[in-house]
Amino acid sequence: MIRGFASRTGQMLLVIFGISVLVFAIFFATPGADPTARIAGRGASPQVVARIRAEYGFDRPLPVQYLKMMEKLFISRDLTSFVNHGQPVVPEVLQAAPVTLSLVLWAAFFWVSGSLVFGIASAVLRDSWVDRLLMVLGLVGLSIPVFWLGEVVNLVTQSRWHDTLLFRWVPPLGYVPFSQSPFGWAKALFLPSLTLAVAFIGLYARVLRSELLTAMGEDSIRTARAKGAGPVRVWLWHGLRLSWLSYVSLFGLDFAQLLGGGALLTEVVFALPGVGRLTYQALATLDLPLIMATVMYAAVFVVVANALVDGLYALLDPRIREGRHGG
């Protein structure tokens, strides 16, 4: 067990190291480009440029530059954005992270709940008009671009019908911290997270339906029915238990990529100051230190989430545990 944990941790660190080297090479080691001028921004004085070159080690070999960048990002955490008036970038990312986490958690609640209801109903009522209707709705939701849906939601709730009884409760665009007002926090995130969840509800419902119908042909299901298990127990207990692996695998990957900046369009449309919007602003201004910080934040979350999914696999499927112990 300890050996497996150490091996997995080593793999995670190796992946993060590889991503950091790749990002550094793309943005800071491009031949013919001076990263000092990019970091300093337009109109920087020669004194500022010289200070940045010395501070970041850009007058030294590339390995030293890389180590200096990682030290500023992870150890001293004083990586600075000169484009943004000398503001440290790590606190910006840490301040934006709870916004993204809140948005993604709400969206995950909606898409898991919705996909369970739609997926189970479609599987139980397969080939009926209900099944076809739910699958068509899921396909429509999967096909709608999230930014377009977000703009439509804003047009309806913030402009056209905002003063009606149905949408009078909708707050202005933006974010309210949970510590400031739990109710305001929930209201600010309700529509953005529901908008983000729409596509995932359709996708996960289709995946769950397919897995449930496949599971119904398993020997364990026939055994459960022979022992007198009712339809509810067969579908909701035995069927779901056999269908979780693909669902959990997909959830882990999507949850991680959303935390790592995949919710960018939703955050931009609804003016949420999360990591995705921060990345968008950094790319728009070519703020290299901020780009480095947000990309590494995303890499860490994706790698950790994948490790957690592997752990869930072992809990959900005893065969994986047995295989690991056997190896």
C-alpha atoms as a PDB file:
ATOM      1  CA  MET A   1       0.000   0.000   0.000  1.00  0.00           C
ATOM      2  CA  ILE A   2       2.801   2.396   0.957  1.00  0.00           C
ATOM      3  CA  ARG A   3       4.711   1.435  -2.174  1.00  0.00           C
ATOM      4  CA  GLY A   4       1.646   2.106  -4.333  1.00  0.00           C
ATOM      5  CA  PHE A   5       1.080   5.494  -2.686  1.00  0.00           C
ATOM      6  CA  ALA A   6       4.724   6.460  -3.179  1.00  0.00           C
ATOM      7  CA  SER A   7       4.602   5.333  -6.803  1.00  0.00           C
ATOM      8  CA  ARG A   8       1.443   7.313  -7.480  1.00  0.00           C
ATOM      9  CA  THR A   9       2.865  10.417  -5.790  1.00  0.00           C
ATOM     10  CA  GLY A  10       6.031  10.121  -7.856  1.00  0.00           C
ATOM     11  CA  GLN A  11       3.995   9.886 -11.059  1.00  0.00           C
ATOM     12  CA  MET A  12       1.982  12.967 -10.088  1.00  0.00           C
ATOM     13  CA  LEU A  13       5.121  14.996  -9.391  1.00  0.00           C
ATOM     14  CA  LEU A  14       6.660  13.837 -12.664  1.00  0.00           C
ATOM     15  CA  VAL A  15       3.593  14.941 -14.638  1.00  0.00           C
ATOM     16  CA  ILE A  16       3.511  18.335 -12.904  1.00  0.00           C
ATOM     17  CA  PHE A  17       7.229  18.744 -13.574  1.00  0.00           C
ATOM     18  CA  GLY A  18       6.739  17.923 -17.256  1.00  0.00           C
ATOM     19  CA  ILE A  19       3.894  20.420 -17.595  1.00  0.00           C
ATOM     20  CA  SER A  20       5.896  23.141 -15.853  1.00  0.00           C
ATOM     21  CA  VAL A  21       8.869  22.588 -18.181  1.00  0.00           C
ATOM     22  CA  LEU A  22       6.614  22.659 -21.247  1.00  0.00           C
ATOM     23  CA  VAL A  23       4.822  25.858 -20.205  1.00  0.00           C
ATOM     24  CA  PHE A  24       8.100  27.532 -19.292  1.00  0.00           C
ATOM     25  CA  ALA A  25       9.599  26.564 -22.649  1.00  0.00           C
ATOM     26  CA  ILE A  26       6.610  27.916 -24.597  1.00  0.00           C
ATOM     27  CA  PHE A  27       6.289  31.276 -22.857  1.00  0.00           C
ATOM     28  CA  PHE A  28       9.781  32.010 -21.536  1.00  0.00           C
ATOM     29  CA  ALA A  29      12.280  30.128 -23.709  1.00  0.00           C
ATOM     30  CA  THR A  30      10.997  30.843 -27.215  1.00  0.00           C
ATOM     31  CA  PRO A  31      13.947  31.607 -29.524  1.00  0.00           C
ATOM     32  CA  GLY A  32      14.071  35.225 -30.608  1.00  0.00           C
ATOM     33  CA  ALA A  33      11.664  36.449 -27.902  1.00  0.00           C
ATOM     34  CA  ASP A  34      12.723  38.388 -24.827  1.00  0.00           C
ATOM     35  CA  PRO A  35      10.636  37.316 -21.793  1.00  0.00           C
ATOM     36  CA  THR A  36      11.963  40.293 -19.857  1.00  0.00           C
ATOM     37  CA  ALA A  37      10.229  42.760 -22.170  1.00  0.00           C
ATOM     38  CA  ARG A  38       7.018  40.710 -22.076  1.00  0.00           C
ATOM     39  CA  ILE A  39       6.939  40.632 -18.276  1.00  0.00           C
ATOM     40  CA  ALA A  40       7.830  44.314 -17.935  1.00  0.00           C
ATOM     41  CA  GLY A  41       5.034  45.346 -20.282  1.00  0.00           C
ATOM     42  CA  ARG A  42       4.884  48.173 -22.772  1.00  0.00           C
ATOM     43  CA  GLY A  43       6.537  51.426 -21.883  1.00  0.00           C
ATOM     44  CA  ALA A  44       8.647  49.984 -19.064  1.00  0.00           C
ATOM     45  CA  SER A  45      11.730  51.985 -18.176  1.00  0.00           C
ATOM     46  CA  PRO A  46      15.215  50.530 -18.773  1.00  0.00           C
ATOM     47  CA  GLN A  47      15.705  50.368 -15.001  1.00  0.00           C
ATOM     48  CA  VAL A  48      12.609  48.179 -14.569  1.00  0.00           C
ATOM     49  CA  VAL A  49      13.683  45.918 -17.443  1.00  0.00           C
ATOM     50  CA  ALA A  50      17.155  45.516 -15.935  1.00  0.00           C
ATOM     51  CA  ARG A  51      15.700  44.736 -12.497  1.00  0.00           C
ATOM     52  CA  ILE A  52      13.368  42.084 -13.924  1.00  0.00           C
ATOM     53  CA  ARG A  53      16.194  40.496 -15.928  1.00  0.00           C
ATOM     54  CA  ALA A  54      18.316  40.193 -12.790  1.00  0.00           C
ATOM     55  CA  GLU A  55      15.433  39.151 -10.522  1.00  0.00           C
ATOM     56  CA  TYR A  56      14.240  36.346 -12.798  1.00  0.00           C
ATOM     57  CA  GLY A  57      17.717  35.301 -13.897  1.00  0.00           C
ATOM     58  CA  PHE A  58      17.031  35.914 -17.586  1.00  0.00           C
ATOM     59  CA  ASP A  59      20.711  36.757 -18.027  1.00  0.00           C
ATOM     60  CA  ARG A  60      21.619  33.231 -16.880  1.00  0.00           C
ATOM     61  CA  PRO A  61      21.241  29.728 -18.432  1.00  0.00           C
ATOM     62  CA  LEU A  62      17.735  28.326 -19.042  1.00  0.00           C
ATOM     63  CA  PRO A  63      17.842  25.728 -16.211  1.00  0.00           C
ATOM     64  CA  VAL A  64      18.610  28.518 -13.745  1.00  0.00           C
ATOM     65  CA  GLN A  65      15.754  30.593 -15.169  1.00  0.00           C
ATOM     66  CA  TYR A  66      13.358  27.657 -14.776  1.00  0.00           C
ATOM     67  CA  LEU A  67      14.411  26.980 -11.178  1.00  0.00           C
ATOM     68  CA  LYS A  68      14.103  30.677 -10.366  1.00  0.00           C
ATOM     69  CA  MET A  69      10.571  30.739 -11.797  1.00  0.00           C
ATOM     70  CA  MET A  70       9.503  27.643  -9.824  1.00  0.00           C
ATOM     71  CA  GLU A  71      11.006  29.092  -6.651  1.00  0.00           C
ATOM     72  CA  LYS A  72       9.020  32.294  -7.075  1.00  0.00           C
ATOM     73  CA  LEU A  73       5.852  30.353  -7.849  1.00  0.00           C
ATOM     74  CA  PHE A  74       5.896  27.624  -5.201  1.00  0.00           C
ATOM     75  CA  ILE A  75       8.376  28.575  -2.451  1.00  0.00           C
ATOM     76  CA  SER A  76       8.650  32.332  -1.985  1.00  0.00           C
ATOM     77  CA  ARG A  77       5.348  32.875  -3.880  1.00  0.00           C
ATOM     78  CA  ASP A  78       6.409  36.384  -4.854  1.00  0.00           C
ATOM     79  CA  LEU A  79       5.962  35.952  -8.608  1.00  0.00           C
ATOM     80  CA  THR A  80       4.920  39.424  -9.742  1.00  0.00           C
ATOM     81  CA  SER A  81       2.799  40.746 -12.594  1.00  0.00           C
ATOM     82  CA  PHE A  82       4.332  43.969 -13.843  1.00  0.00           C
ATOM     83  CA  VAL A  83       1.532  44.255 -16.396  1.00  0.00           C
ATOM     84  CA  ASN A  84      -0.831  44.558 -13.426  1.00  0.00           C
ATOM     85  CA  HIS A  85       1.111  47.270 -11.578  1.00  0.00           C
ATOM     86  CA  GLY A  86       3.454  44.935  -9.723  1.00  0.00           C
ATOM     87  CA  GLN A  87       0.784  42.759  -8.103  1.00  0.00           C
ATOM     88  CA  PRO A  88       1.834  39.281  -6.856  1.00  0.00           C
ATOM     89  CA  VAL A  89       0.083  36.646  -8.968  1.00  0.00           C
ATOM     90  CA  VAL A  90      -0.156  33.783  -6.455  1.00  0.00           C
ATOM     91  CA  PRO A  91      -2.594  35.659  -4.163  1.00  0.00           C
ATOM     92  CA  GLU A  92      -4.677  36.477  -7.258  1.00  0.00           C
ATOM     93  CA  VAL A  93      -4.946  32.802  -8.152  1.00  0.00           C
ATOM     94  CA  LEU A  94      -5.701  31.797  -4.555  1.00  0.00           C
ATOM     95  CA  GLN A  95      -8.393  34.469  -4.390  1.00  0.00           C
ATOM     96  CA  ALA A  96      -9.959  33.276  -7.640  1.00  0.00           C
ATOM     97  CA  ALA A  97      -9.820  29.560  -6.757  1.00  0.00           C
ATOM     98  CA  PRO A  98     -12.785  29.564  -4.292  1.00  0.00           C
ATOM     99  CA  VAL A  99     -14.971  31.222  -6.939  1.00  0.00           C
ATOM    100  CA  THR A 100     -14.216  28.503  -9.478  1.00  0.00           C
ATOM    101  CA  LEU A 101     -14.542  25.772  -6.855  1.00  0.00           C
ATOM    102  CA  SER A 102     -17.950  27.082  -5.776  1.00  0.00           C
ATOM    103  CA  LEU A 103     -19.165  27.318  -9.378  1.00  0.00           C
ATOM    104  CA  VAL A 104     -17.987  23.807 -10.269  1.00  0.00           C
ATOM    105  CA  LEU A 105     -19.390  22.230  -7.086  1.00  0.00           C
ATOM    106  CA  TRP A 106     -22.812  23.729  -7.778  1.00  0.00           C
ATOM    107  CA  ALA A 107     -22.637  22.652 -11.426  1.00  0.00           C
ATOM    108  CA  ALA A 108     -21.587  19.126 -10.408  1.00  0.00           C
ATOM    109  CA  PHE A 109     -24.556  18.904  -8.050  1.00  0.00           C
ATOM    110  CA  PHE A 110     -26.922  19.874 -10.877  1.00  0.00           C
ATOM    111  CA  TRP A 111     -25.430  17.645 -13.551  1.00  0.00           C
ATOM    112  CA  VAL A 112     -25.116  14.569 -11.313  1.00  0.00           C
ATOM    113  CA  SER A 113     -28.670  14.964  -9.998  1.00  0.00           C
ATOM    114  CA  GLY A 114     -30.128  15.665 -13.435  1.00  0.00           C
ATOM    115  CA  SER A 115     -28.223  12.909 -15.210  1.00  0.00           C
ATOM    116  CA  LEU A 116     -29.202  10.324 -12.584  1.00  0.00           C
ATOM    117  CA  VAL A 117     -32.881  11.149 -12.994  1.00  0.00           C
ATOM    118  CA  PHE A 118     -32.783  11.325 -16.804  1.00  0.00           C
ATOM    119  CA  GLY A 119     -30.429   8.375 -17.256  1.00  0.00           C
ATOM    120  CA  ILE A 120     -32.318   6.001 -14.974  1.00  0.00           C
ATOM    121  CA  ALA A 121     -35.704   7.035 -16.376  1.00  0.00           C
ATOM    122  CA  SER A 122     -34.485   6.524 -19.961  1.00  0.00           C
ATOM    123  CA  ALA A 123     -33.029   3.108 -19.151  1.00  0.00           C
ATOM    124  CA  VAL A 124     -36.104   1.876 -17.277  1.00  0.00           C
ATOM    125  CA  LEU A 125     -38.448   3.191 -20.006  1.00  0.00           C
ATOM    126  CA  ARG A 126     -36.149   2.323 -22.914  1.00  0.00           C
ATOM    127  CA  ASP A 127     -37.570   2.611 -26.433  1.00  0.00           C
ATOM    128  CA  SER A 128     -40.615   4.482 -25.125  1.00  0.00           C
ATOM    129  CA  TRP A 129     -41.551   8.047 -26.042  1.00  0.00           C
ATOM    130  CA  VAL A 130     -40.208   9.179 -22.653  1.00  0.00           C
ATOM    131  CA  ASP A 131     -36.828   7.616 -23.432  1.00  0.00           C
ATOM    132  CA  ARG A 132     -36.679   9.244 -26.855  1.00  0.00           C
ATOM    133  CA  LEU A 133     -37.771  12.630 -25.494  1.00  0.00           C
ATOM    134  CA  LEU A 134     -35.169  12.609 -22.716  1.00  0.00           C
ATOM    135  CA  MET A 135     -32.397  11.566 -25.097  1.00  0.00           C
ATOM    136  CA  VAL A 136     -33.366  14.295 -27.578  1.00  0.00           C
ATOM    137  CA  LEU A 137     -33.379  16.884 -24.792  1.00  0.00           C
ATOM    138  CA  GLY A 138     -29.996  15.616 -23.653  1.00  0.00           C
ATOM    139  CA  LEU A 139     -28.616  15.890 -27.185  1.00  0.00           C
ATOM    140  CA  VAL A 140     -29.954  19.436 -27.496  1.00  0.00           C
ATOM    141  CA  GLY A 141     -28.351  20.403 -24.187  1.00  0.00           C
ATOM    142  CA  LEU A 142     -25.095  18.801 -25.278  1.00  0.00           C
ATOM    143  CA  SER A 143     -25.126  20.761 -28.543  1.00  0.00           C
ATOM    144  CA  ILE A 144     -25.790  24.241 -27.140  1.00  0.00           C
ATOM    145  CA  PRO A 145     -22.584  26.307 -26.685  1.00  0.00           C
ATOM    146  CA  VAL A 146     -22.320  27.334 -23.047  1.00  0.00           C
ATOM    147  CA  PHE A 147     -21.394  30.937 -23.873  1.00  0.00           C
ATOM    148  CA  TRP A 148     -24.464  31.332 -26.119  1.00  0.00           C
ATOM    149  CA  LEU A 149     -26.738  29.822 -23.498  1.00  0.00           C
ATOM    150  CA  GLY A 150     -25.200  32.088 -20.877  1.00  0.00           C
ATOM    151  CA  GLU A 151     -25.805  35.175 -22.994  1.00  0.00           C
ATOM    152  CA  VAL A 152     -29.436  34.145 -23.536  1.00  0.00           C
ATOM    153  CA  VAL A 153     -29.881  33.577 -19.798  1.00  0.00           C
ATOM    154  CA  ASN A 154     -28.407  37.017 -19.090  1.00  0.00           C
ATOM    155  CA  LEU A 155     -30.601  38.648 -21.741  1.00  0.00           C
ATOM    156  CA  VAL A 156     -33.725  37.127 -20.215  1.00  0.00           C
ATOM    157  CA  THR A 157     -32.930  37.447 -16.510  1.00  0.00           C
ATOM    158  CA  GLN A 158     -30.861  40.644 -16.452  1.00  0.00           C
ATOM    159  CA  SER A 159     -32.629  42.716 -19.104  1.00  0.00           C
ATOM    160  CA  ARG A 160     -35.857  41.676 -20.794  1.00  0.00           C
ATOM    161  CA  TRP A 161     -37.758  40.040 -17.927  1.00  0.00           C
ATOM    162  CA  HIS A 162     -35.699  41.006 -14.913  1.00  0.00           C
ATOM    163  CA  ASP A 163     -38.538  42.997 -13.352  1.00  0.00           C
ATOM    164  CA  THR A 164     -41.054  40.166 -13.657  1.00  0.00           C
ATOM    165  CA  LEU A 165     -42.019  38.062 -10.660  1.00  0.00           C
ATOM    166  CA  LEU A 166     -40.197  35.047 -12.091  1.00  0.00           C
ATOM    167  CA  PHE A 167     -36.750  36.680 -12.310  1.00  0.00           C
ATOM    168  CA  ARG A 168     -36.929  39.532  -9.822  1.00  0.00           C
ATOM    169  CA  TRP A 169     -34.770  37.541  -7.396  1.00  0.00           C
ATOM    170  CA  VAL A 170     -31.860  37.250  -9.879  1.00  0.00           C
ATOM    171  CA  PRO A 171     -28.916  39.338  -8.575  1.00  0.00           C
ATOM    172  CA  PRO A 172     -26.630  41.479 -10.766  1.00  0.00           C
ATOM    173  CA  LEU A 173     -23.760  39.735 -12.515  1.00  0.00           C
ATOM    174  CA  GLY A 174     -20.804  39.004 -10.266  1.00  0.00           C
ATOM    175  CA  TYR A 175     -19.877  36.986  -7.208  1.00  0.00           C
ATOM    176  CA  VAL A 176     -20.795  37.215  -3.534  1.00  0.00           C
ATOM    177  CA  PRO A 177     -18.398  35.432  -1.124  1.00  0.00           C
ATOM    178  CA  PHE A 178     -19.946  32.789   1.114  1.00  0.00           C
ATOM    179  CA  SER A 179     -18.464  34.497   4.185  1.00  0.00           C
ATOM    180  CA  GLN A 180     -20.250  37.719   3.269  1.00  0.00           C
ATOM    181  CA  SER A 181     -23.693  36.220   2.604  1.00  0.00           C
ATOM    182  CA  PRO A 182     -24.394  32.484   2.191  1.00  0.00           C
ATOM    183  CA  PHE A 183     -27.756  33.227   0.591  1.00  0.00           C
ATOM    184  CA  GLY A 184     -26.263  35.832  -1.742  1.00  0.00           C
ATOM    185  CA  TRP A 185     -23.504  33.350  -2.635  1.00  0.00           C
ATOM    186  CA  ALA A 186     -26.081  30.719  -3.598  1.00  0.00           C
ATOM    187  CA  LYS A 187     -28.152  33.199  -5.629  1.00  0.00           C
ATOM    188  CA  ALA A 188     -25.108  34.509  -7.503  1.00  0.00           C
ATOM    189  CA  LEU A 189     -24.051  30.987  -8.509  1.00  0.00           C
ATOM    190  CA  PHE A 190     -27.422  29.390  -9.225  1.00  0.00           C
ATOM    191  CA  LEU A 191     -27.895  30.414 -12.867  1.00  0.00           C
ATOM    192  CA  PRO A 192     -24.193  30.262 -13.877  1.00  0.00           C
ATOM    193  CA  SER A 193     -23.791  26.757 -12.463  1.00  0.00           C
ATOM    194  CA  LEU A 194     -27.066  25.571 -13.982  1.00  0.00           C
ATOM    195  CA  THR A 195     -25.962  26.954 -17.356  1.00  0.00           C
ATOM    196  CA  LEU A 196     -22.619  25.181 -17.045  1.00  0.00           C
ATOM    197  CA  ALA A 197     -24.327  21.915 -16.056  1.00  0.00           C
ATOM    198  CA  VAL A 198     -26.740  21.709 -19.014  1.00  0.00           C
ATOM    199  CA  ALA A 199     -24.311  20.065 -21.447  1.00  0.00           C
ATOM    200  CA  PHE A 200     -23.032  17.657 -18.814  1.00  0.00           C
ATOM    201  CA  ILE A 201     -26.546  16.545 -17.871  1.00  0.00           C
ATOM    202  CA  GLY A 202     -27.163  15.409 -21.446  1.00  0.00           C
ATOM    203  CA  LEU A 203     -23.805  13.658 -21.772  1.00  0.00           C
ATOM    204  CA  TYR A 204     -23.914  11.882 -18.414  1.00  0.00           C
ATOM    205  CA  ALA A 205     -27.534  10.805 -18.857  1.00  0.00           C
ATOM    206  CA  ARG A 206     -26.637   9.104 -22.137  1.00  0.00           C
ATOM    207  CA  VAL A 207     -23.582   7.426 -20.608  1.00  0.00           C
ATOM    208  CA  LEU A 208     -25.550   6.214 -17.583  1.00  0.00           C
ATOM    209  CA  ARG A 209     -28.398   4.909 -19.732  1.00  0.00           C
ATOM    210  CA  SER A 210     -25.984   2.917 -21.878  1.00  0.00           C
ATOM    211  CA  GLU A 211     -24.139   1.490 -18.873  1.00  0.00           C
ATOM    212  CA  LEU A 212     -27.372   0.549 -17.084  1.00  0.00           C
ATOM    213  CA  LEU A 213     -28.753  -1.277 -20.112  1.00  0.00           C
ATOM    214  CA  THR A 214     -25.464  -3.147 -20.469  1.00  0.00           C
ATOM    215  CA  ALA A 215     -25.502  -4.026 -16.768  1.00  0.00           C
ATOM    216  CA  MET A 216     -28.985  -5.522 -17.044  1.00  0.00           C
ATOM    217  CA  GLY A 217     -27.484  -8.389 -19.039  1.00  0.00           C
ATOM    218  CA  GLU A 218     -24.973  -9.330 -16.330  1.00  0.00           C
ATOM    219  CA  ASP A 219     -25.212 -12.629 -14.456  1.00  0.00           C
ATOM    220  CA  SER A 220     -25.396 -10.831 -11.105  1.00  0.00           C
ATOM    221  CA  ILE A 221     -28.572  -9.043 -12.218  1.00  0.00           C
ATOM    222  CA  ARG A 222     -30.202 -12.323 -13.242  1.00  0.00           C
ATOM    223  CA  THR A 223     -29.171 -13.813  -9.909  1.00  0.00           C
ATOM    224  CA  ALA A 224     -30.657 -10.875  -8.004  1.00  0.00           C
ATOM    225  CA  ARG A 225     -33.940 -11.229  -9.869  1.00  0.00           C
ATOM    226  CA  ALA A 226     -33.974 -14.988  -9.243  1.00  0.00           C
ATOM    227  CA  LYS A 227     -33.576 -14.305  -5.523  1.00  0.00           C
ATOM    228  CA  GLY A 228     -36.671 -12.112  -5.583  1.00  0.00           C
ATOM    229  CA  ALA A 229     -35.183  -8.610  -5.763  1.00  0.00           C
ATOM    230  CA  GLY A 230     -37.766  -6.063  -6.900  1.00  0.00           C
ATOM    231  CA  PRO A 231     -37.341  -3.744  -9.901  1.00  0.00           C
ATOM    232  CA  VAL A 232     -36.396  -0.758  -7.739  1.00  0.00           C
ATOM    233  CA  ARG A 233     -33.610  -2.675  -5.992  1.00  0.00           C
ATOM    234  CA  VAL A 234     -32.421  -4.218  -9.256  1.00  0.00           C
ATOM    235  CA  TRP A 235     -32.131  -0.867 -11.036  1.00  0.00           C
ATOM    236  CA  LEU A 236     -31.080   1.457  -8.204  1.00  0.00           C
ATOM    237  CA  TRP A 237     -28.787  -0.879  -6.299  1.00  0.00           C
ATOM    238  CA  HIS A 238     -27.434  -3.659  -8.475  1.00  0.00           C
ATOM    239  CA  GLY A 239     -27.654  -1.780 -11.787  1.00  0.00           C
ATOM    240  CA  LEU A 240     -26.075   1.439 -10.558  1.00  0.00           C
ATOM    241  CA  ARG A 241     -23.353  -0.485  -8.729  1.00  0.00           C
ATOM    242  CA  LEU A 242     -22.288  -2.066 -12.012  1.00  0.00           C
ATOM    243  CA  SER A 243     -22.533   1.229 -13.921  1.00  0.00           C
ATOM    244  CA  TRP A 244     -20.479   3.517 -11.703  1.00  0.00           C
ATOM    245  CA  LEU A 245     -17.006   2.978 -13.142  1.00  0.00           C
ATOM    246  CA  SER A 246     -17.466   4.780 -16.471  1.00  0.00           C
ATOM    247  CA  TYR A 247     -19.570   7.455 -14.797  1.00  0.00           C
ATOM    248  CA  VAL A 248     -16.992   8.133 -12.076  1.00  0.00           C
ATOM    249  CA  SER A 249     -14.132   8.140 -14.590  1.00  0.00           C
ATOM    250  CA  LEU A 250     -15.897  10.720 -16.750  1.00  0.00           C
ATOM    251  CA  PHE A 251     -16.869  12.793 -13.718  1.00  0.00           C
ATOM    252  CA  GLY A 252     -13.312  12.911 -12.416  1.00  0.00           C
ATOM    253  CA  LEU A 253     -11.905  14.135 -15.711  1.00  0.00           C
ATOM    254  CA  ASP A 254     -14.619  16.759 -16.274  1.00  0.00           C
ATOM    255  CA  PHE A 255     -14.565  18.012 -12.693  1.00  0.00           C
ATOM    256  CA  ALA A 256     -10.798  18.406 -12.841  1.00  0.00           C
ATOM    257  CA  GLN A 257     -10.752  20.242 -16.160  1.00  0.00           C
ATOM    258  CA  LEU A 258     -13.480  22.620 -14.984  1.00  0.00           C
ATOM    259  CA  LEU A 259     -11.534  23.386 -11.812  1.00  0.00           C
ATOM    260  CA  GLY A 260      -8.443  23.902 -13.922  1.00  0.00           C
ATOM    261  CA  GLY A 261     -10.014  26.623 -16.049  1.00  0.00           C
ATOM    262  CA  GLY A 262     -12.536  24.761 -18.181  1.00  0.00           C
ATOM    263  CA  ALA A 263     -15.290  26.985 -16.796  1.00  0.00           C
ATOM    264  CA  LEU A 264     -13.641  29.998 -18.459  1.00  0.00           C
ATOM    265  CA  LEU A 265     -16.537  30.874 -20.778  1.00  0.00           C
ATOM    266  CA  THR A 266     -19.111  30.630 -17.999  1.00  0.00           C
ATOM    267  CA  GLU A 267     -17.014  32.831 -15.722  1.00  0.00           C
ATOM    268  CA  VAL A 268     -16.513  35.434 -18.446  1.00  0.00           C
ATOM    269  CA  VAL A 269     -20.193  35.541 -19.454  1.00  0.00           C
ATOM    270  CA  PHE A 270     -21.429  35.816 -15.852  1.00  0.00           C
ATOM    271  CA  ALA A 271     -18.578  38.096 -14.669  1.00  0.00           C
ATOM    272  CA  LEU A 272     -17.366  35.623 -12.053  1.00  0.00           C
ATOM    273  CA  PRO A 273     -13.789  36.404 -10.910  1.00  0.00           C
ATOM    274  CA  GLY A 274     -12.620  32.790 -11.065  1.00  0.00           C
ATOM    275  CA  VAL A 275      -9.482  31.102 -12.357  1.00  0.00           C
ATOM    276  CA  GLY A 276     -10.861  30.749 -15.890  1.00  0.00           C
ATOM    277  CA  ARG A 277     -11.609  34.462 -16.179  1.00  0.00           C
ATOM    278  CA  LEU A 278      -8.216  35.240 -14.660  1.00  0.00           C
ATOM    279  CA  THR A 279      -6.564  33.059 -17.311  1.00  0.00           C
ATOM    280  CA  TYR A 280      -8.539  34.827 -20.033  1.00  0.00           C
ATOM    281  CA  GLN A 281      -7.380  38.228 -18.773  1.00  0.00           C
ATOM    282  CA  ALA A 282      -3.780  37.009 -18.533  1.00  0.00           C
ATOM    283  CA  LEU A 283      -3.831  35.736 -22.119  1.00  0.00           C
ATOM    284  CA  ALA A 284      -5.451  38.948 -23.362  1.00  0.00           C
ATOM    285  CA  THR A 285      -2.640  41.048 -21.865  1.00  0.00           C
ATOM    286  CA  LEU A 286       0.083  38.399 -22.337  1.00  0.00           C
ATOM    287  CA  ASP A 287       0.792  38.529 -18.604  1.00  0.00           C
ATOM    288  CA  LEU A 288       3.381  35.725 -18.528  1.00  0.00           C
ATOM    289  CA  PRO A 289       3.760  35.315 -14.739  1.00  0.00           C
ATOM    290  CA  LEU A 290      -0.012  35.135 -14.322  1.00  0.00           C
ATOM    291  CA  ILE A 291      -0.305  32.663 -17.212  1.00  0.00           C
ATOM    292  CA  MET A 292       2.343  30.486 -15.570  1.00  0.00           C
ATOM    293  CA  ALA A 293       0.540  30.595 -12.227  1.00  0.00           C
ATOM    294  CA  THR A 294      -2.908  29.763 -13.617  1.00  0.00           C
ATOM    295  CA  VAL A 295      -1.624  26.947 -15.845  1.00  0.00           C
ATOM    296  CA  MET A 296       0.277  25.338 -12.972  1.00  0.00           C
ATOM    297  CA  TYR A 297      -2.795  25.668 -10.753  1.00  0.00           C
ATOM    298  CA  ALA A 298      -4.794  23.851 -13.426  1.00  0.00           C
ATOM    299  CA  ALA A 299      -2.144  21.157 -13.792  1.00  0.00           C
ATOM    300  CA  VAL A 300      -2.069  20.433 -10.069  1.00  0.00           C
ATOM    301  CA  PHE A 301      -5.849  20.108  -9.858  1.00  0.00           C
ATOM    302  CA  VAL A 302      -6.111  17.860 -12.904  1.00  0.00           C
ATOM    303  CA  VAL A 303      -3.355  15.550 -11.675  1.00  0.00           C
ATOM    304  CA  VAL A 304      -4.753  15.354  -8.138  1.00  0.00           C
ATOM    305  CA  ALA A 305      -8.273  14.737  -9.438  1.00  0.00           C
ATOM    306  CA  ASN A 306      -7.041  11.886 -11.628  1.00  0.00           C
ATOM    307  CA  ALA A 307      -5.349  10.335  -8.605  1.00  0.00           C
ATOM    308  CA  LEU A 308      -8.590  10.591  -6.627  1.00  0.00           C
ATOM    309  CA  VAL A 309     -10.472   8.912  -9.470  1.00  0.00           C
ATOM    310  CA  ASP A 310      -8.003   6.029  -9.345  1.00  0.00           C
ATOM    311  CA  GLY A 311      -8.716   5.741  -5.625  1.00  0.00           C
ATOM    312  CA  LEU A 312     -12.454   5.707  -6.262  1.00  0.00           C
ATOM    313  CA  TYR A 313     -11.932   2.978  -8.840  1.00  0.00           C
ATOM    314  CA  ALA A 314     -10.326   0.822  -6.185  1.00  0.00           C
ATOM    315  CA  LEU A 315     -13.239   1.434  -3.817  1.00  0.00           C
ATOM    316  CA  LEU A 316     -15.918   0.756  -6.416  1.00  0.00           C
ATOM    317  CA  ASP A 317     -14.303  -2.253  -8.087  1.00  0.00           C
ATOM    318  CA  PRO A 318     -12.629  -4.804  -5.768  1.00  0.00           C
ATOM    319  CA  ARG A 319     -10.964  -6.426  -8.796  1.00  0.00           C
ATOM    320  CA  ILE A 320      -8.694  -3.382  -9.129  1.00  0.00           C
ATOM    321  CA  ARG A 321      -7.601  -3.677  -5.498  1.00  0.00           C
ATOM    322  CA  GLU A 322      -6.924  -7.374  -5.938  1.00  0.00           C
ATOM    323  CA  GLY A 323      -4.939  -6.712  -9.115  1.00  0.00           C
ATOM    324  CA  ARG A 324      -2.788  -4.105  -7.370  1.00  0.00           C
ATOM    325  CA  HIS A 325      -2.128  -6.311  -4.376  1.00  0.00           C
ATOM    326  CA  GLY A 326      -1.384  -9.221  -6.668  1.00  0.00           C
ATOM    327  CA  GLY A 327       1.142  -7.111  -8.594  1.00  0.00           C
END
